Amino acid sequence: YLGLFGQVLEYQPQHVEAHACLAAVAKDDHIAAQRGEEVSSQESPVARAERLFRKHGQPAVVAAYFDQEGVLEFDTNPTGAEAILFKYVEDEDGKLRPMFVCKLGPTPVRAQLPMGSCLVVLKKSGYRPVRYPVFLTRAYDELNSWHGGIVPLFTEAQIGKGRVYIPPTKFLTGGDPELSRGSSKRAEVKQTPGFLIAQYPTTVGEYEAFLADVGREAHTPQSTPWKKPGHPVVGVTWENAIAYCAWRTQGDGGTPCRLPTEGEVEVAGGGVDGRRYSWGWCAEAYFATASDHYKPGEAKLVEVHECAPQDQSPYGAYGFAGLVSVLTITEYPNGVGIRCGRWGMEIKEGTVRMRGALQKGVATPQHGFRVAWDLPTTT
């Protein structure tokens, strides 16, 4: 039908019924795309649906739909942090970039915002700046407004070097119909109480320090070509990763270190708006050094600090598409959950929503792990 309406407009550019039908389809697609459901296009779904609706819809109807606003309301602990608002805008390369909008003033904040994906940066002297993504959409009652409660602030010492802070938040998860590797078919809104996660997957150098301390007999990884200290460690089992976390806990002065849950990997890698990749919706292989970025047979695992700069999440963690899929603490009857894209995988499959399962006791050269921590206590 879309092709037929397009042909009609080629011959009769002002054909009212054809414009109306295309506008109706585009509006439905816009809502469906925000839910992560299948739409009538393979390109960036929300942006394309908006463009078509604006092109074919009646101006008053389009304005009424897109001029809707939602309430953003939250505070910080301690209060009085400077809140700076950025709007995510897709650039010509398909990357979502935060563009400055305005200063919202000191927290607590209550503001009317247009629907869409935004980033609020929170700054207060003596505390690490916080990246706080916000997503307002018509597609979910839970996301029509954003009542964020209290966002705790922490010092650099409380968070720790090499760790990324994911504040308490609600987020859109699952619902990628184009992904064959296990994403749930319908998106849903979930919540996290917040956590810390490593900026990069655990490296060979970090894992070697663990082996040197506890002994190699039970925990030596499978032999792989990726042996530089900066490579993500691969060829380890879930049990190896759990043992590393226990050892890391002792070295961190008793602060419990653990594997992240599946949901934590997804929100840490993609933020709150249900995007397919850390950078947005566009499947660009060179954004993640994916296999289709190389000639056949030449794909390789790079060191963590060599991963593509575009492969950075809204919170500042790296490597959710082009490094390694990571083991999680989430368990299933057939094994443990694994999440996100990896080297050697085509970019269309290597999304932050990619999920699978691996049997306990099994190790592969494609899977590693990334560690996480609960939030520090606040006073």
Protein backbone atom coordinates (compact mmCIF):
# COMPACT_ATOMS: atom_id res chain seq x y z
CA TYR A 1 0.00 0.00 0.00
CA LEU A 2 2.82 2.43 0.75
CA GLY A 3 4.25 1.97 -2.74
CA LEU A 4 0.82 2.43 -4.28
CA PHE A 5 0.19 5.68 -2.40
CA GLY A 6 3.63 6.90 -3.46
CA GLN A 7 2.83 6.20 -7.10
CA VAL A 8 -0.45 8.11 -6.78
CA LEU A 9 1.39 11.16 -5.45
CA GLU A 10 3.87 11.03 -8.34
CA TYR A 11 0.98 11.74 -10.70
CA GLN A 12 -1.24 13.77 -8.34
CA PRO A 13 1.01 15.50 -5.75
CA GLN A 14 -2.00 17.05 -3.96
CA HIS A 15 -4.06 13.85 -3.71
CA VAL A 16 -5.73 14.31 -0.30
CA GLU A 17 -6.59 10.66 0.40
CA ALA A 18 -3.08 9.42 -0.44
CA HIS A 19 -1.48 11.99 1.88
CA ALA A 20 -3.97 11.10 4.62
CA CYS A 21 -3.26 7.37 4.33
CA LEU A 22 0.51 7.86 4.35
CA ALA A 23 0.21 10.19 7.35
CA ALA A 24 -1.84 7.59 9.24
CA VAL A 25 0.71 4.86 8.53
CA ALA A 26 3.59 7.14 9.54
CA LYS A 27 1.90 8.11 12.80
CA ASP A 28 1.27 4.45 13.66
CA ASP A 29 4.87 3.66 12.74
CA HIS A 30 6.12 6.47 14.99
CA ILE A 31 4.30 5.04 18.00
CA ALA A 32 5.29 1.46 17.12
CA ALA A 33 8.94 2.45 16.66
CA GLN A 34 9.01 3.99 20.13
CA ARG A 35 7.72 0.68 21.46
CA GLY A 36 10.46 -1.18 19.59
CA GLU A 37 7.89 -2.96 17.43
CA GLU A 38 8.26 -3.80 13.76
CA VAL A 39 7.60 -0.91 11.37
CA SER A 40 7.41 -0.53 7.61
CA SER A 41 11.02 0.65 7.16
CA GLN A 42 14.52 -0.60 7.86
CA GLU A 43 16.10 2.83 8.44
CA SER A 44 16.10 4.72 11.75
CA PRO A 45 12.47 3.97 12.62
CA VAL A 46 11.44 6.91 14.81
CA ALA A 47 13.16 9.54 12.69
CA ARG A 48 11.76 8.20 9.40
CA ALA A 49 8.23 7.88 10.75
CA GLU A 50 8.37 11.47 12.05
CA ARG A 51 9.64 12.75 8.71
CA LEU A 52 6.86 11.02 6.75
CA PHE A 53 4.15 12.10 9.18
CA ARG A 54 5.29 15.72 8.98
CA LYS A 55 5.40 15.49 5.19
CA HIS A 56 1.98 13.96 4.61
CA GLY A 57 -0.08 14.94 7.67
CA GLN A 58 -2.37 17.94 8.05
CA PRO A 59 -0.34 20.72 9.73
CA ALA A 60 -2.75 21.12 12.64
CA VAL A 61 -2.84 17.36 13.32
CA VAL A 62 0.95 17.09 13.08
CA ALA A 63 1.45 20.06 15.41
CA ALA A 64 -0.98 18.68 17.98
CA TYR A 65 0.84 15.35 17.98
CA PHE A 66 4.44 16.57 18.10
CA ASP A 67 3.84 19.54 20.40
CA GLN A 68 2.84 17.28 23.28
CA GLU A 69 5.02 17.72 26.35
CA GLY A 70 5.82 15.68 29.40
CA VAL A 71 6.91 16.59 32.92
CA LEU A 72 10.49 16.06 34.04
CA GLU A 73 10.73 16.04 37.82
CA PHE A 74 13.55 14.87 40.10
CA ASP A 75 15.91 15.94 42.87
CA THR A 76 19.44 15.03 43.90
CA ASN A 77 21.01 13.99 47.19
CA PRO A 78 22.52 16.34 48.20
CA THR A 79 20.20 18.82 46.56
CA GLY A 80 21.30 21.95 44.70
CA ALA A 81 23.14 20.34 41.77
CA GLU A 82 23.32 22.29 38.51
CA ALA A 83 21.15 20.53 35.88
CA ILE A 84 22.04 21.03 32.20
CA LEU A 85 19.69 19.74 29.49
CA PHE A 86 20.80 18.25 26.15
CA LYS A 87 18.58 16.88 23.38
CA TYR A 88 19.69 13.79 21.45
CA VAL A 89 19.82 14.60 17.72
CA GLU A 90 20.78 12.12 15.00
CA ASP A 91 23.67 13.44 12.89
CA GLU A 92 24.40 12.68 9.23
CA ASP A 93 26.36 9.54 10.20
CA GLY A 94 23.43 8.15 12.17
CA LYS A 95 24.92 8.78 15.63
CA LEU A 96 22.75 10.30 18.35
CA ARG A 97 24.63 13.32 19.71
CA PRO A 98 23.60 15.39 22.75
CA MET A 99 22.96 19.00 21.68
CA PHE A 100 22.80 21.70 24.37
CA VAL A 101 19.30 23.03 25.03
CA CYS A 102 19.36 25.03 28.26
CA LYS A 103 20.25 25.09 31.94
CA LEU A 104 17.39 23.80 34.07
CA GLY A 105 18.71 25.45 37.22
CA PRO A 106 19.65 23.86 40.54
CA THR A 107 17.87 20.74 41.73
CA PRO A 108 15.10 20.03 42.58
CA VAL A 109 13.93 20.26 38.95
CA ARG A 110 10.43 20.37 37.54
CA ALA A 111 10.11 21.27 33.86
CA GLN A 112 7.88 20.77 30.82
CA LEU A 113 9.82 19.09 27.99
CA PRO A 114 8.93 17.99 24.45
CA MET A 115 8.70 14.26 23.88
CA GLY A 116 11.97 12.59 22.94
CA SER A 117 15.32 11.38 24.22
CA CYS A 118 17.40 13.78 26.32
CA LEU A 119 20.45 13.84 28.53
CA VAL A 120 20.65 15.78 31.78
CA VAL A 121 24.14 16.40 33.13
CA LEU A 122 24.27 17.05 36.88
CA LYS A 123 27.18 18.95 38.43
CA LYS A 124 27.94 19.81 42.02
CA SER A 125 31.27 20.77 43.55
CA GLY A 126 32.99 17.86 45.27
CA TYR A 127 31.02 15.18 43.37
CA ARG A 128 31.54 13.34 40.10
CA PRO A 129 29.31 14.75 37.32
CA VAL A 130 26.33 12.51 36.59
CA ARG A 131 24.99 11.64 33.13
CA TYR A 132 21.25 11.16 33.56
CA PRO A 133 19.42 10.10 30.35
CA VAL A 134 15.69 10.84 30.17
CA PHE A 135 13.12 9.47 27.68
CA LEU A 136 9.64 10.95 27.26
CA THR A 137 7.33 9.16 24.83
CA ARG A 138 3.65 8.82 24.01
CA ALA A 139 4.05 5.07 23.53
CA TYR A 140 4.06 4.11 27.24
CA ASP A 141 2.02 5.47 30.12
CA GLU A 142 5.09 5.06 32.38
CA LEU A 143 7.13 7.34 30.09
CA ASN A 144 4.61 10.12 29.33
CA SER A 145 6.24 11.95 32.24
CA TRP A 146 9.51 11.36 34.05
CA HIS A 147 9.24 11.42 37.83
CA GLY A 148 12.78 10.41 38.65
CA GLY A 149 12.71 10.61 42.43
CA ILE A 150 16.11 11.18 44.05
CA VAL A 151 19.39 10.86 42.11
CA PRO A 152 22.25 10.21 44.58
CA LEU A 153 25.52 12.05 43.98
CA PHE A 154 28.86 10.40 44.80
CA THR A 155 32.45 11.57 45.06
CA GLU A 156 35.19 10.27 42.78
CA ALA A 157 36.53 8.21 45.69
CA GLN A 158 33.13 6.61 46.32
CA ILE A 159 32.69 5.60 42.68
CA GLY A 160 36.27 4.55 42.00
CA LYS A 161 38.60 4.70 39.02
CA GLY A 162 37.48 2.84 35.92
CA ARG A 163 33.85 2.61 37.08
CA VAL A 164 30.78 4.19 35.51
CA TYR A 165 27.80 5.33 37.57
CA ILE A 166 24.33 4.29 36.36
CA PRO A 167 21.81 6.29 38.46
CA PRO A 168 18.46 4.88 39.61
CA THR A 169 16.22 5.00 36.56
CA LYS A 170 13.49 3.43 34.47
CA PHE A 171 14.44 2.19 31.01
CA LEU A 172 13.03 0.59 27.88
CA THR A 173 14.24 -2.96 27.31
CA GLY A 174 13.78 -5.66 24.66
CA GLY A 175 11.52 -5.44 21.64
CA ASP A 176 13.85 -5.63 18.63
CA PRO A 177 11.98 -7.53 15.86
CA GLU A 178 14.97 -7.47 13.50
CA LEU A 179 17.26 -9.23 15.97
CA SER A 180 17.37 -13.00 15.60
CA ARG A 181 19.52 -13.56 18.69
CA GLY A 182 17.00 -13.63 21.46
CA SER A 183 15.70 -10.09 22.12
CA SER A 184 12.18 -10.23 23.51
CA LYS A 185 9.69 -9.31 20.80
CA ARG A 186 7.88 -6.66 22.78
CA ALA A 187 9.59 -3.84 24.60
CA GLU A 188 8.73 -3.12 28.21
CA VAL A 189 9.60 -0.54 30.83
CA LYS A 190 11.74 -1.73 33.75
CA GLN A 191 13.50 -0.03 36.65
CA THR A 192 16.92 -0.29 38.24
CA PRO A 193 17.92 1.01 41.68
CA GLY A 194 21.23 2.11 40.17
CA PHE A 195 24.66 0.47 40.15
CA LEU A 196 28.29 0.88 39.13
CA ILE A 197 29.79 -0.96 36.17
CA ALA A 198 33.31 -1.26 34.78
CA GLN A 199 34.04 1.15 31.94
CA TYR A 200 35.49 -1.74 29.91
CA PRO A 201 35.27 -5.54 29.98
CA THR A 202 37.78 -7.28 32.24
CA THR A 203 41.16 -7.40 30.51
CA VAL A 204 43.82 -10.08 30.16
CA GLY A 205 46.09 -8.02 32.41
CA GLU A 206 43.47 -7.79 35.16
CA TYR A 207 42.72 -11.51 34.91
CA GLU A 208 46.44 -12.39 34.98
CA ALA A 209 46.75 -10.56 38.31
CA PHE A 210 43.96 -12.80 39.62
CA LEU A 211 45.69 -15.96 38.34
CA ALA A 212 49.02 -14.90 39.85
CA ASP A 213 47.37 -14.57 43.24
CA VAL A 214 45.07 -17.60 43.37
CA GLY A 215 46.87 -20.04 41.08
CA ARG A 216 46.26 -21.11 37.51
CA GLU A 217 45.12 -24.71 37.86
CA ALA A 218 41.37 -24.12 38.14
CA HIS A 219 40.96 -20.82 36.33
CA THR A 220 43.31 -20.68 33.32
CA PRO A 221 41.39 -19.46 30.25
CA GLN A 222 41.31 -21.34 26.95
CA SER A 223 44.19 -20.58 24.63
CA THR A 224 43.34 -17.73 22.24
CA PRO A 225 45.35 -15.33 20.04
CA TRP A 226 44.22 -12.40 22.20
CA LYS A 227 46.93 -12.27 24.86
CA LYS A 228 47.98 -8.63 25.18
CA PRO A 229 47.31 -7.14 28.65
CA GLY A 230 44.79 -4.73 27.14
CA HIS A 231 42.71 -7.36 25.34
CA PRO A 232 39.40 -8.34 26.94
CA VAL A 233 39.91 -11.72 28.55
CA VAL A 234 37.98 -14.47 26.72
CA GLY A 235 37.83 -18.23 26.98
CA VAL A 236 36.70 -18.14 30.62
CA THR A 237 33.77 -19.93 32.16
CA TRP A 238 31.00 -18.42 34.27
CA GLU A 239 32.58 -20.10 37.30
CA ASN A 240 35.92 -18.42 36.47
CA ALA A 241 34.20 -15.03 36.31
CA ILE A 242 32.44 -15.60 39.64
CA ALA A 243 35.77 -16.57 41.24
CA TYR A 244 37.38 -13.41 39.83
CA CYS A 245 34.62 -11.28 41.36
CA ALA A 246 35.17 -12.90 44.77
CA TRP A 247 38.90 -12.20 44.51
CA ARG A 248 38.24 -8.63 43.34
CA THR A 249 35.97 -8.09 46.35
CA GLN A 250 38.86 -8.87 48.70
CA GLY A 251 41.15 -6.51 46.80
CA ASP A 252 38.56 -3.73 46.90
CA GLY A 253 38.51 -3.78 50.68
CA GLY A 254 35.40 -5.92 50.95
CA THR A 255 33.22 -3.89 48.55
CA PRO A 256 31.17 -6.65 46.88
CA CYS A 257 32.08 -7.09 43.21
CA ARG A 258 29.76 -9.16 41.01
CA LEU A 259 28.63 -9.87 37.47
CA PRO A 260 25.87 -7.56 36.17
CA THR A 261 22.34 -8.73 35.45
CA GLU A 262 21.09 -8.87 31.86
CA GLY A 263 19.05 -5.72 32.40
CA GLU A 264 22.04 -3.89 33.85
CA VAL A 265 24.13 -4.66 30.77
CA GLU A 266 21.35 -3.37 28.51
CA VAL A 267 20.78 -0.09 30.33
CA ALA A 268 24.52 0.52 30.85
CA GLY A 269 25.12 -0.03 27.13
CA GLY A 270 22.11 1.69 25.60
CA GLY A 271 20.66 4.08 28.15
CA VAL A 272 16.93 4.41 28.71
CA ASP A 273 15.39 5.01 25.26
CA GLY A 274 15.54 1.49 23.79
CA ARG A 275 18.19 2.29 21.19
CA ARG A 276 19.69 -0.62 19.30
CA TYR A 277 23.34 0.40 19.76
CA SER A 278 25.20 2.56 22.24
CA TRP A 279 25.29 5.36 19.63
CA GLY A 280 21.71 5.03 18.35
CA TRP A 281 19.87 3.06 15.69
CA CYS A 282 22.23 3.15 12.71
CA ALA A 283 24.02 -0.14 11.92
CA GLU A 284 27.48 1.21 11.06
CA ALA A 285 30.14 -1.50 11.27
CA TYR A 286 33.05 0.92 11.68
CA PHE A 287 31.38 2.36 14.79
CA ALA A 288 32.20 -0.91 16.55
CA THR A 289 34.98 -2.66 14.57
CA ALA A 290 32.41 -5.35 13.76
CA SER A 291 33.23 -8.26 11.43
CA ASP A 292 31.68 -6.56 8.39
CA HIS A 293 34.14 -3.68 8.93
CA TYR A 294 36.93 -6.04 7.85
CA LYS A 295 37.70 -8.14 4.79
CA PRO A 296 36.54 -11.78 5.12
CA GLY A 297 38.65 -13.65 7.65
CA GLU A 298 40.40 -10.53 8.99
CA ALA A 299 38.12 -9.68 11.91
CA LYS A 300 40.02 -9.34 15.17
CA LEU A 301 39.52 -8.49 18.81
CA VAL A 302 41.11 -5.15 19.65
CA GLU A 303 42.42 -3.99 23.00
CA VAL A 304 39.79 -2.24 25.11
CA HIS A 305 41.27 1.24 24.69
CA GLU A 306 41.33 0.73 20.90
CA CYS A 307 37.59 0.15 20.57
CA ALA A 308 35.80 2.62 18.32
CA PRO A 309 35.04 5.94 20.07
CA GLN A 310 31.45 5.74 18.79
CA ASP A 311 30.99 2.50 20.78
CA GLN A 312 30.39 4.56 23.94
CA SER A 313 27.18 4.36 25.93
CA PRO A 314 25.18 7.39 27.12
CA TYR A 315 26.76 6.87 30.55
CA GLY A 316 30.37 6.65 29.31
CA ALA A 317 31.02 2.88 29.25
CA TYR A 318 32.63 1.36 26.14
CA GLY A 319 32.57 -1.72 23.95
CA PHE A 320 28.99 -3.05 23.93
CA ALA A 321 29.07 -3.84 20.20
CA GLY A 322 32.67 -4.46 19.13
CA LEU A 323 34.55 -6.08 22.03
CA VAL A 324 33.05 -9.17 23.73
CA SER A 325 29.64 -10.46 24.69
CA VAL A 326 29.55 -10.60 28.48
CA LEU A 327 28.49 -13.19 30.99
CA THR A 328 25.81 -12.08 33.45
CA ILE A 329 24.61 -13.21 36.84
CA THR A 330 21.18 -13.98 35.35
CA GLU A 331 20.58 -17.75 35.34
CA TYR A 332 18.26 -19.90 33.19
CA PRO A 333 17.48 -23.63 33.19
CA ASN A 334 19.81 -24.06 30.20
CA GLY A 335 22.64 -21.89 31.45
CA VAL A 336 23.48 -18.26 32.20
CA GLY A 337 22.54 -15.14 30.29
CA ILE A 338 24.98 -13.46 27.91
CA ARG A 339 24.48 -9.97 26.55
CA CYS A 340 25.55 -7.41 23.92
CA GLY A 341 27.50 -7.60 20.66
CA ARG A 342 31.05 -8.79 20.14
CA TRP A 343 33.97 -8.95 17.74
CA GLY A 344 33.42 -11.33 14.83
CA MET A 345 29.68 -10.60 14.77
CA GLU A 346 27.96 -8.67 12.00
CA ILE A 347 26.84 -5.27 13.20
CA LYS A 348 23.14 -5.94 12.54
CA GLU A 349 23.29 -8.67 15.20
CA GLY A 350 25.72 -6.99 17.60
CA THR A 351 23.29 -4.78 19.49
CA VAL A 352 23.04 -3.95 23.18
CA ARG A 353 19.82 -5.99 23.18
CA MET A 354 21.48 -9.16 21.86
CA ARG A 355 20.91 -11.95 24.32
CA GLY A 356 21.70 -15.62 24.56
CA ALA A 357 22.61 -18.33 27.04
CA LEU A 358 25.80 -20.25 27.75
CA GLN A 359 26.04 -23.45 29.72
CA LYS A 360 27.95 -23.29 32.97
CA GLY A 361 31.43 -24.70 32.65
CA VAL A 362 31.66 -23.73 28.95
CA ALA A 363 34.12 -21.16 27.63
CA THR A 364 34.38 -19.61 24.16
CA PRO A 365 36.71 -17.10 22.43
CA GLN A 366 33.76 -14.72 21.90
CA HIS A 367 32.64 -14.26 25.51
CA GLY A 368 34.24 -12.40 28.37
CA PHE A 369 32.82 -10.52 31.32
CA ARG A 370 32.44 -7.07 32.80
CA VAL A 371 32.12 -6.49 36.55
CA ALA A 372 29.59 -4.43 38.48
CA TRP A 373 28.95 -3.16 42.00
CA ASP A 374 25.93 -2.02 43.98
CA LEU A 375 25.79 1.68 44.75
CA PRO A 376 27.71 2.99 47.77
CA THR A 377 25.64 3.81 50.82
CA THR A 378 24.55 7.43 51.21
CA THR A 379 24.06 9.45 54.36
